[in-house]
PDB file of N, CA and C in Angstrom:
ATOM      1  N   MET A   1      62.256  81.682  87.986  1.00  0.00           N
ATOM      2  CA  MET A   1      63.307  81.285  88.901  1.00  0.00           C
ATOM      3  C   MET A   1      64.646  81.186  88.164  1.00  0.00           C
ATOM      4  N   LYS A   2      64.627  80.632  86.941  1.00  0.00           N
ATOM      5  CA  LYS A   2      65.861  80.509  86.172  1.00  0.00           C
ATOM      6  C   LYS A   2      66.391  81.878  85.760  1.00  0.00           C
ATOM      7  N   LYS A   3      65.500  82.805  85.451  1.00  0.00           N
ATOM      8  CA  LYS A   3      65.937  84.143  85.063  1.00  0.00           C
ATOM      9  C   LYS A   3      66.656  84.833  86.222  1.00  0.00           C
ATOM     10  N   LYS A   4      66.188  84.564  87.427  1.00  0.00           N
ATOM     11  CA  LYS A   4      66.811  85.166  88.608  1.00  0.00           C
ATOM     12  C   LYS A   4      68.247  84.650  88.766  1.00  0.00           C
ATOM     13  N   TRP A   5      68.461  83.350  88.601  1.00  0.00           N
ATOM     14  CA  TRP A   5      69.799  82.768  88.721  1.00  0.00           C
ATOM     15  C   TRP A   5      70.717  83.258  87.604  1.00  0.00           C
ATOM     16  N   VAL A   6      70.173  83.390  86.414  1.00  0.00           N
ATOM     17  CA  VAL A   6      70.972  83.895  85.299  1.00  0.00           C
ATOM     18  C   VAL A   6      71.398  85.334  85.582  1.00  0.00           C
ATOM     19  N   ALA A   7      70.492  86.128  86.123  1.00  0.00           N
ATOM     20  CA  ALA A   7      70.819  87.511  86.456  1.00  0.00           C
ATOM     21  C   ALA A   7      71.892  87.574  87.547  1.00  0.00           C
ATOM     22  N   VAL A   8      71.779  86.722  88.554  1.00  0.00           N
ATOM     23  CA  VAL A   8      72.769  86.689  89.632  1.00  0.00           C
ATOM     24  C   VAL A   8      74.134  86.276  89.082  1.00  0.00           C
ATOM     25  N   LEU A   9      74.173  85.267  88.242  1.00  0.00           N
ATOM     26  CA  LEU A   9      75.436  84.829  87.648  1.00  0.00           C
ATOM     27  C   LEU A   9      76.042  85.905  86.752  1.00  0.00           C
ATOM     28  N   LEU A  10      75.204  86.598  86.011  1.00  0.00           N
ATOM     29  CA  LEU A  10      75.680  87.666  85.139  1.00  0.00           C
ATOM     30  C   LEU A  10      76.297  88.795  85.961  1.00  0.00           C
ATOM     31  N   ILE A  11      75.634  89.175  87.034  1.00  0.00           N
ATOM     32  CA  ILE A  11      76.162  90.228  87.906  1.00  0.00           C
ATOM     33  C   ILE A  11      77.474  89.777  88.546  1.00  0.00           C
ATOM     34  N   ALA A  12      77.536  88.525  88.980  1.00  0.00           N
ATOM     35  CA  ALA A  12      78.763  88.003  89.587  1.00  0.00           C
ATOM     36  C   ALA A  12      79.911  88.006  88.580  1.00  0.00           C
ATOM     37  N   CYS A  13      79.636  87.625  87.349  1.00  0.00           N
ATOM     38  CA  CYS A  13      80.677  87.623  86.312  1.00  0.00           C
ATOM     39  C   CYS A  13      81.181  89.036  86.030  1.00  0.00           C
ATOM     40  N   VAL A  14      80.276  89.988  85.997  1.00  0.00           N
ATOM     41  CA  VAL A  14      80.672  91.374  85.752  1.00  0.00           C
ATOM     42  C   VAL A  14      81.534  91.885  86.902  1.00  0.00           C
ATOM     43  N   MET A  15      81.152  91.567  88.127  1.00  0.00           N
ATOM     44  CA  MET A  15      81.922  92.014  89.290  1.00  0.00           C
ATOM     45  C   MET A  15      83.307  91.371  89.307  1.00  0.00           C
ATOM     46  N   LEU A  16      83.381  90.092  88.996  1.00  0.00           N
ATOM     47  CA  LEU A  16      84.661  89.390  89.019  1.00  0.00           C
ATOM     48  C   LEU A  16      85.582  89.818  87.877  1.00  0.00           C
ATOM     49  N   SER A  17      85.015  90.286  86.791  1.00  0.00           N
ATOM     50  CA  SER A  17      85.842  90.694  85.658  1.00  0.00           C
ATOM     51  C   SER A  17      86.580  92.001  85.933  1.00  0.00           C
ATOM     52  N   HIS A  18      86.136  92.757  86.921  1.00  0.00           N
ATOM     53  CA  HIS A  18      86.775  94.033  87.243  1.00  0.00           C
ATOM     54  C   HIS A  18      87.816  93.915  88.349  1.00  0.00           C
ATOM     55  N   LEU A  19      88.086  92.718  88.830  1.00  0.00           N
ATOM     56  CA  LEU A  19      89.100  92.536  89.862  1.00  0.00           C
ATOM     57  C   LEU A  19      90.491  92.658  89.248  1.00  0.00           C
ATOM     58  N   GLU A  20      91.408  93.261  90.001  1.00  0.00           N
ATOM     59  CA  GLU A  20      92.784  93.397  89.534  1.00  0.00           C
ATOM     60  C   GLU A  20      93.617  92.262  90.100  1.00  0.00           C
ATOM     61  N   SER A  21      94.521  91.759  89.293  1.00  0.00           N
ATOM     62  CA  SER A  21      95.406  90.700  89.767  1.00  0.00           C
ATOM     63  C   SER A  21      96.783  91.291  90.057  1.00  0.00           C
ATOM     64  N   VAL A  22      97.485  90.683  90.973  1.00  0.00           N
ATOM     65  CA  VAL A  22      98.814  91.140  91.349  1.00  0.00           C
ATOM     66  C   VAL A  22      99.835  90.426  90.481  1.00  0.00           C
ATOM     67  N   GLU A  23     100.728  91.201  89.890  1.00  0.00           N
ATOM     68  CA  GLU A  23     101.772  90.638  89.043  1.00  0.00           C
ATOM     69  C   GLU A  23     102.937  90.170  89.917  1.00  0.00           C
ATOM     70  N   PRO A  24     103.391  88.946  89.738  1.00  0.00           N
ATOM     71  CA  PRO A  24     104.552  88.497  90.510  1.00  0.00           C
ATOM     72  C   PRO A  24     105.816  89.219  90.037  1.00  0.00           C
ATOM     73  N   SER A  25     106.716  89.469  90.968  1.00  0.00           N
ATOM     74  CA  SER A  25     107.956  90.159  90.609  1.00  0.00           C
ATOM     75  C   SER A  25     109.162  89.310  90.991  1.00  0.00           C
ATOM     76  N   ALA A  26     110.330  89.773  90.599  1.00  0.00           N
ATOM     77  CA  ALA A  26     111.558  89.046  90.916  1.00  0.00           C
ATOM     78  C   ALA A  26     111.788  89.002  92.417  1.00  0.00           C
ATOM     79  N   ALA A  27     111.382  90.047  93.137  1.00  0.00           N
ATOM     80  CA  ALA A  27     111.555  90.061  94.595  1.00  0.00           C
ATOM     81  C   ALA A  27     110.731  88.952  95.240  1.00  0.00           C
ATOM     82  N   ASP A  28     109.529  88.717  94.734  1.00  0.00           N
ATOM     83  CA  ASP A  28     108.699  87.637  95.266  1.00  0.00           C
ATOM     84  C   ASP A  28     109.345  86.286  94.994  1.00  0.00           C
ATOM     85  N   CYS A  29     109.910  86.126  93.821  1.00  0.00           N
ATOM     86  CA  CYS A  29     110.578  84.877  93.458  1.00  0.00           C
ATOM     87  C   CYS A  29     111.761  84.636  94.380  1.00  0.00           C
ATOM     88  N   TYR A  30     112.574  85.667  94.567  1.00  0.00           N
ATOM     89  CA  TYR A  30     113.772  85.526  95.400  1.00  0.00           C
ATOM     90  C   TYR A  30     113.394  85.243  96.852  1.00  0.00           C
ATOM     91  N   ASP A  31     112.407  85.959  97.360  1.00  0.00           N
ATOM     92  CA  ASP A  31     111.970  85.755  98.744  1.00  0.00           C
ATOM     93  C   ASP A  31     111.448  84.341  98.947  1.00  0.00           C
ATOM     94  N   GLY A  32     110.669  83.855  98.003  1.00  0.00           N
ATOM     95  CA  GLY A  32     110.157  82.494  98.112  1.00  0.00           C
ATOM     96  C   GLY A  32     111.250  81.455  98.002  1.00  0.00           C
ATOM     97  N   CYS A  33     112.240  81.739  97.176  1.00  0.00           N
ATOM     98  CA  CYS A  33     113.332  80.782  96.975  1.00  0.00           C
ATOM     99  C   CYS A  33     114.247  80.712  98.192  1.00  0.00           C
ATOM    100  N   ILE A  34     114.633  81.867  98.757  1.00  0.00           N
ATOM    101  CA  ILE A  34     115.565  81.827  99.888  1.00  0.00           C
ATOM    102  C   ILE A  34     114.903  81.311 101.155  1.00  0.00           C
ATOM    103  N   THR A  35     113.586  81.288 101.183  1.00  0.00           N
ATOM    104  CA  THR A  35     112.895  80.708 102.330  1.00  0.00           C
ATOM    105  C   THR A  35     113.250  79.229 102.458  1.00  0.00           C
ATOM    106  N   ALA A  36     113.501  78.587 101.341  1.00  0.00           N
ATOM    107  CA  ALA A  36     113.857  77.163 101.347  1.00  0.00           C
ATOM    108  C   ALA A  36     115.360  76.942 101.519  1.00  0.00           C
ATOM    109  N   CYS A  37     116.137  78.006 101.694  1.00  0.00           N
ATOM    110  CA  CYS A  37     117.600  77.892 101.792  1.00  0.00           C
ATOM    111  C   CYS A  37     118.106  77.729 103.219  1.00  0.00           C
ATOM    112  N   VAL A  38     117.267  77.457 104.164  1.00  0.00           N
ATOM    113  CA  VAL A  38     117.717  77.335 105.551  1.00  0.00           C
ATOM    114  C   VAL A  38     118.582  76.087 105.679  1.00  0.00           C
ATOM    115  N   GLN A  39     119.856  76.306 106.023  1.00  0.00           N
ATOM    116  CA  GLN A  39     120.841  75.232 106.145  1.00  0.00           C
ATOM    117  C   GLN A  39     121.656  75.461 107.413  1.00  0.00           C
ATOM    118  N   PRO A  40     122.090  74.404 108.079  1.00  0.00           N
ATOM    119  CA  PRO A  40     122.981  74.596 109.223  1.00  0.00           C
ATOM    120  C   PRO A  40     124.383  75.027 108.787  1.00  0.00           C
ATOM    121  N   ASN A  41     124.746  74.736 107.567  1.00  0.00           N
ATOM    122  CA  ASN A  41     126.061  75.066 107.031  1.00  0.00           C
ATOM    123  C   ASN A  41     125.960  76.388 106.264  1.00  0.00           C
ATOM    124  N   LEU A  42     126.731  77.398 106.686  1.00  0.00           N
ATOM    125  CA  LEU A  42     126.678  78.715 106.063  1.00  0.00           C
ATOM    126  C   LEU A  42     127.084  78.667 104.591  1.00  0.00           C
ATOM    127  N   ARG A  43     128.034  77.822 104.242  1.00  0.00           N
ATOM    128  CA  ARG A  43     128.481  77.709 102.848  1.00  0.00           C
ATOM    129  C   ARG A  43     127.358  77.193 101.955  1.00  0.00           C
ATOM    130  N   LEU A  44     126.631  76.181 102.425  1.00  0.00           N
ATOM    131  CA  LEU A  44     125.519  75.642 101.636  1.00  0.00           C
ATOM    132  C   LEU A  44     124.380  76.649 101.523  1.00  0.00           C
ATOM    133  N   MET A  45     124.161  77.408 102.593  1.00  0.00           N
ATOM    134  CA  MET A  45     123.107  78.414 102.566  1.00  0.00           C
ATOM    135  C   MET A  45     123.458  79.511 101.560  1.00  0.00           C
ATOM    136  N   ARG A  46     124.694  79.946 101.548  1.00  0.00           N
ATOM    137  CA  ARG A  46     125.141  80.970 100.599  1.00  0.00           C
ATOM    138  C   ARG A  46     125.041  80.455  99.167  1.00  0.00           C
ATOM    139  N   ARG A  47     125.402  79.209  98.954  1.00  0.00           N
ATOM    140  CA  ARG A  47     125.312  78.604  97.621  1.00  0.00           C
ATOM    141  C   ARG A  47     123.859  78.585  97.142  1.00  0.00           C
ATOM    142  N   CYS A  48     122.952  78.233  98.039  1.00  0.00           N
ATOM    143  CA  CYS A  48     121.527  78.214  97.703  1.00  0.00           C
ATOM    144  C   CYS A  48     121.032  79.619  97.362  1.00  0.00           C
ATOM    145  N   GLU A  49     121.475  80.627  98.115  1.00  0.00           N
ATOM    146  CA  GLU A  49     121.069  82.006  97.841  1.00  0.00           C
ATOM    147  C   GLU A  49     121.566  82.472  96.478  1.00  0.00           C
ATOM    148  N   ILE A  50     122.782  82.081  96.114  1.00  0.00           N
ATOM    149  CA  ILE A  50     123.314  82.442  94.799  1.00  0.00           C
ATOM    150  C   ILE A  50     122.487  81.782  93.697  1.00  0.00           C
ATOM    151  N   LYS A  51     122.122  80.524  93.897  1.00  0.00           N
ATOM    152  CA  LYS A  51     121.281  79.831  92.915  1.00  0.00           C
ATOM    153  C   LYS A  51     119.928  80.515  92.788  1.00  0.00           C
ATOM    154  N   CYS A  52     119.384  80.984  93.904  1.00  0.00           N
ATOM    155  CA  CYS A  52     118.105  81.702  93.858  1.00  0.00           C
ATOM    156  C   CYS A  52     118.247  82.997  93.065  1.00  0.00           C
ATOM    157  N   GLY A  53     119.366  83.680  93.259  1.00  0.00           N
ATOM    158  CA  GLY A  53     119.605  84.904  92.508  1.00  0.00           C
ATOM    159  C   GLY A  53     119.669  84.649  91.016  1.00  0.00           C
ATOM    160  N   ILE A  54     120.290  83.555  90.632  1.00  0.00           N
ATOM    161  CA  ILE A  54     120.371  83.197  89.216  1.00  0.00           C
ATOM    162  C   ILE A  54     118.996  82.789  88.694  1.00  0.00           C
ATOM    163  N   ARG A  55     118.289  81.981  89.466  1.00  0.00           N
ATOM    164  CA  ARG A  55     116.981  81.492  89.046  1.00  0.00           C
ATOM    165  C   ARG A  55     115.981  82.635  88.889  1.00  0.00           C
ATOM    166  N   CYS A  56     116.016  83.575  89.805  1.00  0.00           N
ATOM    167  CA  CYS A  56     115.040  84.667  89.781  1.00  0.00           C
ATOM    168  C   CYS A  56     115.529  85.871  88.986  1.00  0.00           C
ATOM    169  N   ASN A  57     116.764  85.794  88.456  1.00  0.00           N
ATOM    170  CA  ASN A  57     117.315  86.832  87.586  1.00  0.00           C
ATOM    171  C   ASN A  57     117.265  88.209  88.240  1.00  0.00           C
ATOM    172  N   SER A  58     117.726  88.285  89.474  1.00  0.00           N
ATOM    173  CA  SER A  58     117.728  89.539  90.203  1.00  0.00           C
ATOM    174  C   SER A  58     119.161  89.895  90.573  1.00  0.00           C
ATOM    175  N   ALA A  59     119.672  90.994  90.060  1.00  0.00           N
ATOM    176  CA  ALA A  59     121.057  91.390  90.336  1.00  0.00           C
ATOM    177  C   ALA A  59     121.245  91.731  91.808  1.00  0.00           C
ATOM    178  N   SER A  60     120.255  92.322  92.441  1.00  0.00           N
ATOM    179  CA  SER A  60     120.395  92.683  93.852  1.00  0.00           C
ATOM    180  C   SER A  60     120.355  91.455  94.740  1.00  0.00           C
ATOM    181  N   ALA A  61     119.808  90.363  94.245  1.00  0.00           N
ATOM    182  CA  ALA A  61     119.724  89.147  95.052  1.00  0.00           C
ATOM    183  C   ALA A  61     121.079  88.465  95.170  1.00  0.00           C
ATOM    184  N   ILE A  62     121.998  88.764  94.267  1.00  0.00           N
ATOM    185  CA  ILE A  62     123.295  88.107  94.283  1.00  0.00           C
ATOM    186  C   ILE A  62     124.250  88.790  95.266  1.00  0.00           C
ATOM    187  N   GLU A  63     123.936  90.031  95.678  1.00  0.00           N
ATOM    188  CA  GLU A  63     124.800  90.742  96.606  1.00  0.00           C
ATOM    189  C   GLU A  63     124.916  89.994  97.924  1.00  0.00           C
ATOM    190  N   ASP A  64     126.025  90.184  98.595  1.00  0.00           N
ATOM    191  CA  ASP A  64     126.284  89.518  99.869  1.00  0.00           C
ATOM    192  C   ASP A  64     125.368  90.095 100.957  1.00  0.00           C
ATOM    193  N   PRO A  65     124.517  89.275 101.584  1.00  0.00           N
ATOM    194  CA  PRO A  65     123.603  89.791 102.600  1.00  0.00           C
ATOM    195  C   PRO A  65     124.314  90.183 103.893  1.00  0.00           C
ATOM    196  N   LEU A  66     125.565  89.758 104.068  1.00  0.00           N
ATOM    197  CA  LEU A  66     126.292  90.064 105.301  1.00  0.00           C
ATOM    198  C   LEU A  66     127.074  91.376 105.208  1.00  0.00           C
ATOM    199  N   GLY A  67     127.073  91.983 104.068  1.00  0.00           N
ATOM    200  CA  GLY A  67     127.779  93.266 103.984  1.00  0.00           C
ATOM    201  C   GLY A  67     128.372  93.553 102.717  1.00  0.00           C
TER     202      GLY A  67
END
């Protein structure tokens, strides 16, 4: 009975070791950060977006979203 469980665990470990992980990118950081920037004041919202651009080190994130 113990050999069966050891075999099942071994197979599970082998299967899990071949899974690929997703690398986070700057776009994910910026998207997650600006989600928290919802403000009734446009000036404060823009300030938060600029801070997100600096925090996530994305040059395209600093561009003006309005044009």
